[in-house]
Amino acid sequence: MKYIVALVIALVLNASANLLMKLGMKAVQASGGVLKDGPLGAAIIVLTTPTLIIGLACFGLNAVFYMYALQSDTLKISIAYPIMVGGGFALIAIIARLHPALAERLSNGQLLGIALVLVGVIVIATQTKA
């Protein structure tokens, strides 16, 4: 159970990292873009933008929790990875739709696709033999 909890935490951290990166880059884009002053300028922008720093920290923590989950003898990567990617995809799409700063539109086809991905993840997770 502790490995499943770690996997869910990793999934949430990964989704959070991606959403924070998108929010951070919206602000950076408004000021001319990340590469406007070359690679060194890009590093300075990243290291001085709190949203991007927090996003990077979430990526790092995601890796720690994901690696912890993967050390389980019973949680196969053929189950863990689809949960991480499919669950993260759905979470990101839904939050991007609901978050006021992102307000992304989702068509009926996209909503159907999200539902199908989630059904696929559930099938993989419940039908894979130990």
N, C-alpha and C. Protein backbone atom coordinates (compact mmCIF):
# COMPACT_ATOMS: atom_id res chain seq x y z
N MET A 1 0.82 -1.21 0.00
CA MET A 1 0.00 0.00 0.00
C MET A 1 0.86 1.27 0.00
N LYS A 2 1.98 1.24 0.75
CA LYS A 2 2.82 2.43 0.81
C LYS A 2 3.41 2.78 -0.55
N TYR A 3 3.61 1.77 -1.39
CA TYR A 3 4.15 2.04 -2.72
C TYR A 3 3.09 2.66 -3.63
N ILE A 4 1.85 2.26 -3.46
CA ILE A 4 0.75 2.87 -4.22
C ILE A 4 0.58 4.33 -3.81
N VAL A 5 0.66 4.59 -2.51
CA VAL A 5 0.57 5.97 -2.02
C VAL A 5 1.71 6.80 -2.60
N ALA A 6 2.91 6.25 -2.61
CA ALA A 6 4.07 6.96 -3.18
C ALA A 6 3.84 7.23 -4.66
N LEU A 7 3.25 6.26 -5.39
CA LEU A 7 2.97 6.45 -6.81
C LEU A 7 1.96 7.56 -7.03
N VAL A 8 0.93 7.61 -6.21
CA VAL A 8 -0.08 8.67 -6.33
C VAL A 8 0.54 10.04 -6.01
N ILE A 9 1.38 10.09 -4.99
CA ILE A 9 2.07 11.35 -4.66
C ILE A 9 2.94 11.77 -5.83
N ALA A 10 3.66 10.81 -6.43
CA ALA A 10 4.51 11.12 -7.59
C ALA A 10 3.67 11.65 -8.74
N LEU A 11 2.53 11.04 -8.98
CA LEU A 11 1.63 11.48 -10.05
C LEU A 11 1.19 12.91 -9.82
N VAL A 12 0.76 13.22 -8.61
CA VAL A 12 0.30 14.58 -8.29
C VAL A 12 1.44 15.58 -8.41
N LEU A 13 2.62 15.21 -7.93
CA LEU A 13 3.78 16.10 -8.06
C LEU A 13 4.15 16.34 -9.51
N ASN A 14 4.07 15.30 -10.34
CA ASN A 14 4.40 15.44 -11.76
C ASN A 14 3.40 16.36 -12.44
N ALA A 15 2.12 16.16 -12.16
CA ALA A 15 1.09 17.02 -12.75
C ALA A 15 1.28 18.46 -12.26
N SER A 16 1.55 18.62 -10.98
CA SER A 16 1.77 19.96 -10.42
C SER A 16 2.96 20.64 -11.09
N ALA A 17 4.03 19.89 -11.28
CA ALA A 17 5.22 20.45 -11.92
C ALA A 17 4.89 20.96 -13.32
N ASN A 18 4.18 20.16 -14.08
CA ASN A 18 3.82 20.58 -15.45
C ASN A 18 2.93 21.81 -15.45
N LEU A 19 1.95 21.84 -14.57
CA LEU A 19 1.06 23.00 -14.50
C LEU A 19 1.81 24.25 -14.04
N LEU A 20 2.69 24.11 -13.06
CA LEU A 20 3.48 25.25 -12.60
C LEU A 20 4.41 25.76 -13.69
N MET A 21 5.00 24.84 -14.46
CA MET A 21 5.86 25.26 -15.57
C MET A 21 5.06 26.07 -16.60
N LYS A 22 3.86 25.61 -16.89
CA LYS A 22 3.03 26.33 -17.85
C LYS A 22 2.68 27.72 -17.32
N LEU A 23 2.28 27.80 -16.05
CA LEU A 23 1.96 29.10 -15.47
C LEU A 23 3.19 30.01 -15.43
N GLY A 24 4.32 29.47 -15.04
CA GLY A 24 5.55 30.25 -14.99
C GLY A 24 5.97 30.75 -16.36
N MET A 25 5.81 29.91 -17.37
CA MET A 25 6.23 30.30 -18.71
C MET A 25 5.28 31.32 -19.34
N LYS A 26 4.04 31.35 -18.89
CA LYS A 26 3.14 32.41 -19.37
C LYS A 26 3.68 33.77 -18.95
N ALA A 27 4.17 33.86 -17.72
CA ALA A 27 4.75 35.11 -17.23
C ALA A 27 6.05 35.43 -17.96
N VAL A 28 6.87 34.42 -18.19
CA VAL A 28 8.15 34.63 -18.89
C VAL A 28 7.90 35.06 -20.33
N GLN A 29 6.93 34.44 -20.97
CA GLN A 29 6.62 34.79 -22.36
C GLN A 29 6.19 36.25 -22.46
N ALA A 30 5.43 36.72 -21.48
CA ALA A 30 4.96 38.11 -21.49
C ALA A 30 6.11 39.10 -21.40
N SER A 31 7.24 38.64 -20.83
CA SER A 31 8.39 39.54 -20.72
C SER A 31 9.43 39.31 -21.83
N GLY A 32 9.08 38.58 -22.87
CA GLY A 32 9.97 38.43 -24.01
C GLY A 32 10.44 37.02 -24.29
N GLY A 33 10.14 36.07 -23.45
CA GLY A 33 10.50 34.67 -23.71
C GLY A 33 11.74 34.24 -22.96
N VAL A 34 11.87 32.96 -22.80
CA VAL A 34 12.94 32.40 -21.98
C VAL A 34 14.32 32.55 -22.63
N LEU A 35 14.38 32.56 -23.94
CA LEU A 35 15.68 32.63 -24.61
C LEU A 35 16.00 34.01 -25.16
N LYS A 36 15.29 35.03 -24.71
CA LYS A 36 15.51 36.37 -25.26
C LYS A 36 16.93 36.87 -25.01
N ASP A 37 17.57 36.42 -23.92
CA ASP A 37 18.94 36.83 -23.60
C ASP A 37 19.92 35.66 -23.66
N GLY A 38 19.58 34.65 -24.45
CA GLY A 38 20.47 33.50 -24.62
C GLY A 38 20.37 32.50 -23.48
N PRO A 39 21.22 31.46 -23.55
CA PRO A 39 21.16 30.38 -22.55
C PRO A 39 21.42 30.84 -21.11
N LEU A 40 22.39 31.73 -20.92
CA LEU A 40 22.66 32.22 -19.56
C LEU A 40 21.48 33.03 -19.05
N GLY A 41 20.92 33.84 -19.90
CA GLY A 41 19.73 34.60 -19.53
C GLY A 41 18.56 33.68 -19.20
N ALA A 42 18.45 32.58 -19.94
CA ALA A 42 17.38 31.61 -19.66
C ALA A 42 17.55 31.00 -18.28
N ALA A 43 18.79 30.64 -17.94
CA ALA A 43 19.06 30.07 -16.61
C ALA A 43 18.72 31.08 -15.52
N ILE A 44 19.06 32.33 -15.74
CA ILE A 44 18.75 33.38 -14.75
C ILE A 44 17.24 33.55 -14.60
N ILE A 45 16.53 33.55 -15.73
CA ILE A 45 15.08 33.68 -15.68
C ILE A 45 14.47 32.51 -14.90
N VAL A 46 14.90 31.31 -15.19
CA VAL A 46 14.36 30.13 -14.50
C VAL A 46 14.65 30.21 -13.01
N LEU A 47 15.88 30.59 -12.67
CA LEU A 47 16.28 30.60 -11.26
C LEU A 47 15.74 31.80 -10.47
N THR A 48 15.13 32.74 -11.17
CA THR A 48 14.55 33.90 -10.47
C THR A 48 13.03 33.97 -10.61
N THR A 49 12.43 32.93 -11.16
CA THR A 49 10.97 32.87 -11.29
C THR A 49 10.45 31.83 -10.30
N PRO A 50 9.84 32.28 -9.22
CA PRO A 50 9.41 31.35 -8.16
C PRO A 50 8.54 30.20 -8.66
N THR A 51 7.62 30.47 -9.57
CA THR A 51 6.75 29.42 -10.07
C THR A 51 7.55 28.33 -10.77
N LEU A 52 8.56 28.72 -11.52
CA LEU A 52 9.40 27.74 -12.20
C LEU A 52 10.28 26.97 -11.22
N ILE A 53 10.78 27.64 -10.20
CA ILE A 53 11.59 26.96 -9.19
C ILE A 53 10.74 25.92 -8.46
N ILE A 54 9.53 26.29 -8.09
CA ILE A 54 8.65 25.34 -7.40
C ILE A 54 8.30 24.18 -8.33
N GLY A 55 8.07 24.48 -9.60
CA GLY A 55 7.80 23.43 -10.59
C GLY A 55 8.96 22.46 -10.71
N LEU A 56 10.18 22.98 -10.77
CA LEU A 56 11.36 22.11 -10.83
C LEU A 56 11.49 21.27 -9.57
N ALA A 57 11.19 21.87 -8.41
CA ALA A 57 11.24 21.12 -7.16
C ALA A 57 10.21 19.99 -7.17
N CYS A 58 9.04 20.27 -7.73
CA CYS A 58 8.02 19.22 -7.84
C CYS A 58 8.50 18.08 -8.74
N PHE A 59 9.18 18.41 -9.83
CA PHE A 59 9.74 17.37 -10.69
C PHE A 59 10.75 16.51 -9.91
N GLY A 60 11.61 17.17 -9.15
CA GLY A 60 12.59 16.43 -8.36
C GLY A 60 11.94 15.53 -7.33
N LEU A 61 10.96 16.05 -6.61
CA LEU A 61 10.25 15.24 -5.62
C LEU A 61 9.47 14.12 -6.29
N ASN A 62 8.91 14.41 -7.45
CA ASN A 62 8.23 13.38 -8.22
C ASN A 62 9.16 12.21 -8.47
N ALA A 63 10.37 12.50 -8.90
CA ALA A 63 11.33 11.43 -9.18
C ALA A 63 11.62 10.61 -7.93
N VAL A 64 11.77 11.26 -6.80
CA VAL A 64 12.05 10.55 -5.55
C VAL A 64 10.91 9.60 -5.20
N PHE A 65 9.68 10.09 -5.23
CA PHE A 65 8.53 9.24 -4.88
C PHE A 65 8.31 8.14 -5.92
N TYR A 66 8.54 8.45 -7.19
CA TYR A 66 8.38 7.44 -8.24
C TYR A 66 9.41 6.33 -8.08
N MET A 67 10.65 6.72 -7.83
CA MET A 67 11.69 5.70 -7.62
C MET A 67 11.38 4.84 -6.39
N TYR A 68 10.86 5.48 -5.34
CA TYR A 68 10.48 4.72 -4.14
C TYR A 68 9.40 3.70 -4.50
N ALA A 69 8.40 4.13 -5.26
CA ALA A 69 7.32 3.21 -5.66
C ALA A 69 7.86 2.08 -6.51
N LEU A 70 8.82 2.37 -7.37
CA LEU A 70 9.36 1.35 -8.27
C LEU A 70 10.20 0.30 -7.56
N GLN A 71 10.62 0.57 -6.35
CA GLN A 71 11.41 -0.44 -5.64
C GLN A 71 10.53 -1.58 -5.10
N SER A 72 9.22 -1.43 -5.19
CA SER A 72 8.30 -2.47 -4.76
C SER A 72 8.47 -3.74 -5.59
N ASP A 73 8.41 -4.87 -4.92
CA ASP A 73 8.48 -6.14 -5.63
C ASP A 73 7.16 -6.48 -6.32
N THR A 74 6.07 -5.89 -5.84
CA THR A 74 4.76 -6.23 -6.39
C THR A 74 4.21 -5.20 -7.38
N LEU A 75 4.68 -3.98 -7.33
CA LEU A 75 4.21 -2.95 -8.26
C LEU A 75 5.09 -2.97 -9.50
N LYS A 76 4.55 -3.53 -10.56
CA LYS A 76 5.31 -3.64 -11.81
C LYS A 76 5.33 -2.31 -12.54
N ILE A 77 6.38 -2.08 -13.28
CA ILE A 77 6.47 -0.84 -14.05
C ILE A 77 5.41 -0.81 -15.15
N SER A 78 4.99 -1.98 -15.61
CA SER A 78 3.94 -2.04 -16.64
C SER A 78 2.60 -1.56 -16.09
N ILE A 79 2.50 -1.44 -14.78
CA ILE A 79 1.31 -0.87 -14.14
C ILE A 79 1.60 0.55 -13.68
N ALA A 80 2.75 0.74 -13.05
CA ALA A 80 3.10 2.05 -12.47
C ALA A 80 3.17 3.14 -13.54
N TYR A 81 3.82 2.84 -14.65
CA TYR A 81 4.00 3.89 -15.67
C TYR A 81 2.68 4.34 -16.30
N PRO A 82 1.79 3.41 -16.69
CA PRO A 82 0.51 3.88 -17.22
C PRO A 82 -0.29 4.69 -16.22
N ILE A 83 -0.23 4.31 -14.94
CA ILE A 83 -0.92 5.10 -13.92
C ILE A 83 -0.33 6.49 -13.86
N MET A 84 1.00 6.57 -13.85
CA MET A 84 1.69 7.86 -13.76
C MET A 84 1.35 8.73 -14.97
N VAL A 85 1.49 8.19 -16.15
CA VAL A 85 1.31 8.99 -17.37
C VAL A 85 -0.17 9.26 -17.65
N GLY A 86 -0.98 8.22 -17.64
CA GLY A 86 -2.40 8.39 -17.94
C GLY A 86 -3.13 9.21 -16.90
N GLY A 87 -2.85 8.91 -15.63
CA GLY A 87 -3.48 9.67 -14.56
C GLY A 87 -3.03 11.12 -14.58
N GLY A 88 -1.74 11.33 -14.82
CA GLY A 88 -1.21 12.69 -14.90
C GLY A 88 -1.82 13.47 -16.06
N PHE A 89 -1.95 12.80 -17.19
CA PHE A 89 -2.56 13.42 -18.37
C PHE A 89 -3.97 13.91 -18.06
N ALA A 90 -4.76 13.05 -17.46
CA ALA A 90 -6.15 13.41 -17.14
C ALA A 90 -6.20 14.54 -16.12
N LEU A 91 -5.37 14.44 -15.08
CA LEU A 91 -5.34 15.47 -14.04
C LEU A 91 -4.94 16.83 -14.61
N ILE A 92 -3.91 16.84 -15.44
CA ILE A 92 -3.45 18.09 -16.05
C ILE A 92 -4.53 18.69 -16.94
N ALA A 93 -5.16 17.87 -17.76
CA ALA A 93 -6.18 18.39 -18.68
C ALA A 93 -7.36 18.99 -17.91
N ILE A 94 -7.78 18.32 -16.85
CA ILE A 94 -8.92 18.81 -16.08
C ILE A 94 -8.56 20.10 -15.33
N ILE A 95 -7.40 20.12 -14.70
CA ILE A 95 -7.00 21.33 -13.97
C ILE A 95 -6.77 22.49 -14.93
N ALA A 96 -6.16 22.21 -16.09
CA ALA A 96 -5.94 23.27 -17.08
C ALA A 96 -7.27 23.85 -17.55
N ARG A 97 -8.29 23.03 -17.57
CA ARG A 97 -9.63 23.51 -17.95
C ARG A 97 -10.23 24.38 -16.85
N LEU A 98 -10.03 24.00 -15.59
CA LEU A 98 -10.68 24.68 -14.48
C LEU A 98 -9.89 25.87 -13.92
N HIS A 99 -8.58 25.88 -14.11
CA HIS A 99 -7.75 26.95 -13.54
C HIS A 99 -7.98 28.25 -14.31
N PRO A 100 -8.30 29.33 -13.59
CA PRO A 100 -8.63 30.59 -14.28
C PRO A 100 -7.50 31.15 -15.15
N ALA A 101 -6.27 30.96 -14.75
CA ALA A 101 -5.15 31.51 -15.54
C ALA A 101 -4.89 30.70 -16.80
N LEU A 102 -5.34 29.46 -16.84
CA LEU A 102 -5.13 28.62 -18.02
C LEU A 102 -6.41 28.54 -18.86
N ALA A 103 -7.52 28.25 -18.21
CA ALA A 103 -8.85 28.21 -18.84
C ALA A 103 -8.83 27.56 -20.23
N GLU A 104 -8.20 26.41 -20.33
CA GLU A 104 -8.17 25.71 -21.61
C GLU A 104 -9.52 25.10 -21.92
N ARG A 105 -9.88 25.13 -23.17
CA ARG A 105 -11.15 24.53 -23.59
C ARG A 105 -10.91 23.07 -23.94
N LEU A 106 -11.85 22.24 -23.56
CA LEU A 106 -11.80 20.83 -23.91
C LEU A 106 -13.04 20.49 -24.74
N SER A 107 -12.80 19.98 -25.92
CA SER A 107 -13.93 19.58 -26.77
C SER A 107 -14.52 18.28 -26.24
N ASN A 108 -15.69 17.94 -26.75
CA ASN A 108 -16.30 16.67 -26.36
C ASN A 108 -15.39 15.50 -26.73
N GLY A 109 -14.73 15.61 -27.85
CA GLY A 109 -13.79 14.55 -28.26
C GLY A 109 -12.63 14.43 -27.30
N GLN A 110 -12.12 15.56 -26.84
CA GLN A 110 -11.03 15.53 -25.87
C GLN A 110 -11.49 14.92 -24.54
N LEU A 111 -12.69 15.29 -24.10
CA LEU A 111 -13.24 14.72 -22.87
C LEU A 111 -13.42 13.21 -23.01
N LEU A 112 -13.89 12.78 -24.18
CA LEU A 112 -14.02 11.35 -24.44
C LEU A 112 -12.65 10.68 -24.41
N GLY A 113 -11.66 11.33 -25.01
CA GLY A 113 -10.30 10.79 -25.00
C GLY A 113 -9.74 10.65 -23.59
N ILE A 114 -9.97 11.64 -22.75
CA ILE A 114 -9.53 11.57 -21.36
C ILE A 114 -10.19 10.40 -20.66
N ALA A 115 -11.50 10.25 -20.88
CA ALA A 115 -12.23 9.14 -20.26
C ALA A 115 -11.68 7.79 -20.74
N LEU A 116 -11.39 7.70 -22.03
CA LEU A 116 -10.84 6.45 -22.57
C LEU A 116 -9.46 6.14 -22.00
N VAL A 117 -8.63 7.17 -21.85
CA VAL A 117 -7.32 6.97 -21.24
C VAL A 117 -7.48 6.45 -19.82
N LEU A 118 -8.38 7.05 -19.06
CA LEU A 118 -8.60 6.60 -17.68
C LEU A 118 -9.13 5.17 -17.63
N VAL A 119 -10.03 4.84 -18.54
CA VAL A 119 -10.53 3.46 -18.61
C VAL A 119 -9.38 2.52 -18.95
N GLY A 120 -8.53 2.92 -19.86
CA GLY A 120 -7.37 2.10 -20.22
C GLY A 120 -6.43 1.87 -19.04
N VAL A 121 -6.18 2.93 -18.28
CA VAL A 121 -5.33 2.80 -17.10
C VAL A 121 -5.96 1.85 -16.08
N ILE A 122 -7.27 1.96 -15.90
CA ILE A 122 -7.95 1.08 -14.96
C ILE A 122 -7.87 -0.37 -15.43
N VAL A 123 -8.07 -0.59 -16.71
CA VAL A 123 -7.98 -1.96 -17.25
C VAL A 123 -6.57 -2.51 -17.04
N ILE A 124 -5.57 -1.72 -17.37
CA ILE A 124 -4.19 -2.18 -17.19
C ILE A 124 -3.91 -2.50 -15.72
N ALA A 125 -4.34 -1.61 -14.84
CA ALA A 125 -4.05 -1.77 -13.41
C ALA A 125 -4.78 -2.95 -12.80
N THR A 126 -5.98 -3.23 -13.29
CA THR A 126 -6.77 -4.30 -12.66
C THR A 126 -6.64 -5.64 -13.35
N GLN A 127 -6.19 -5.66 -14.58
CA GLN A 127 -6.12 -6.93 -15.31
C GLN A 127 -4.72 -7.50 -15.43
N THR A 128 -3.73 -6.79 -14.95
CA THR A 128 -2.36 -7.29 -15.02
C THR A 128 -2.15 -8.27 -13.88
N LYS A 129 -1.61 -9.44 -14.21
CA LYS A 129 -1.38 -10.46 -13.20
C LYS A 129 -0.06 -10.19 -12.48
N ALA A 130 -0.07 -10.47 -11.21
CA ALA A 130 1.14 -10.24 -10.38
C ALA A 130 2.24 -11.18 -10.78
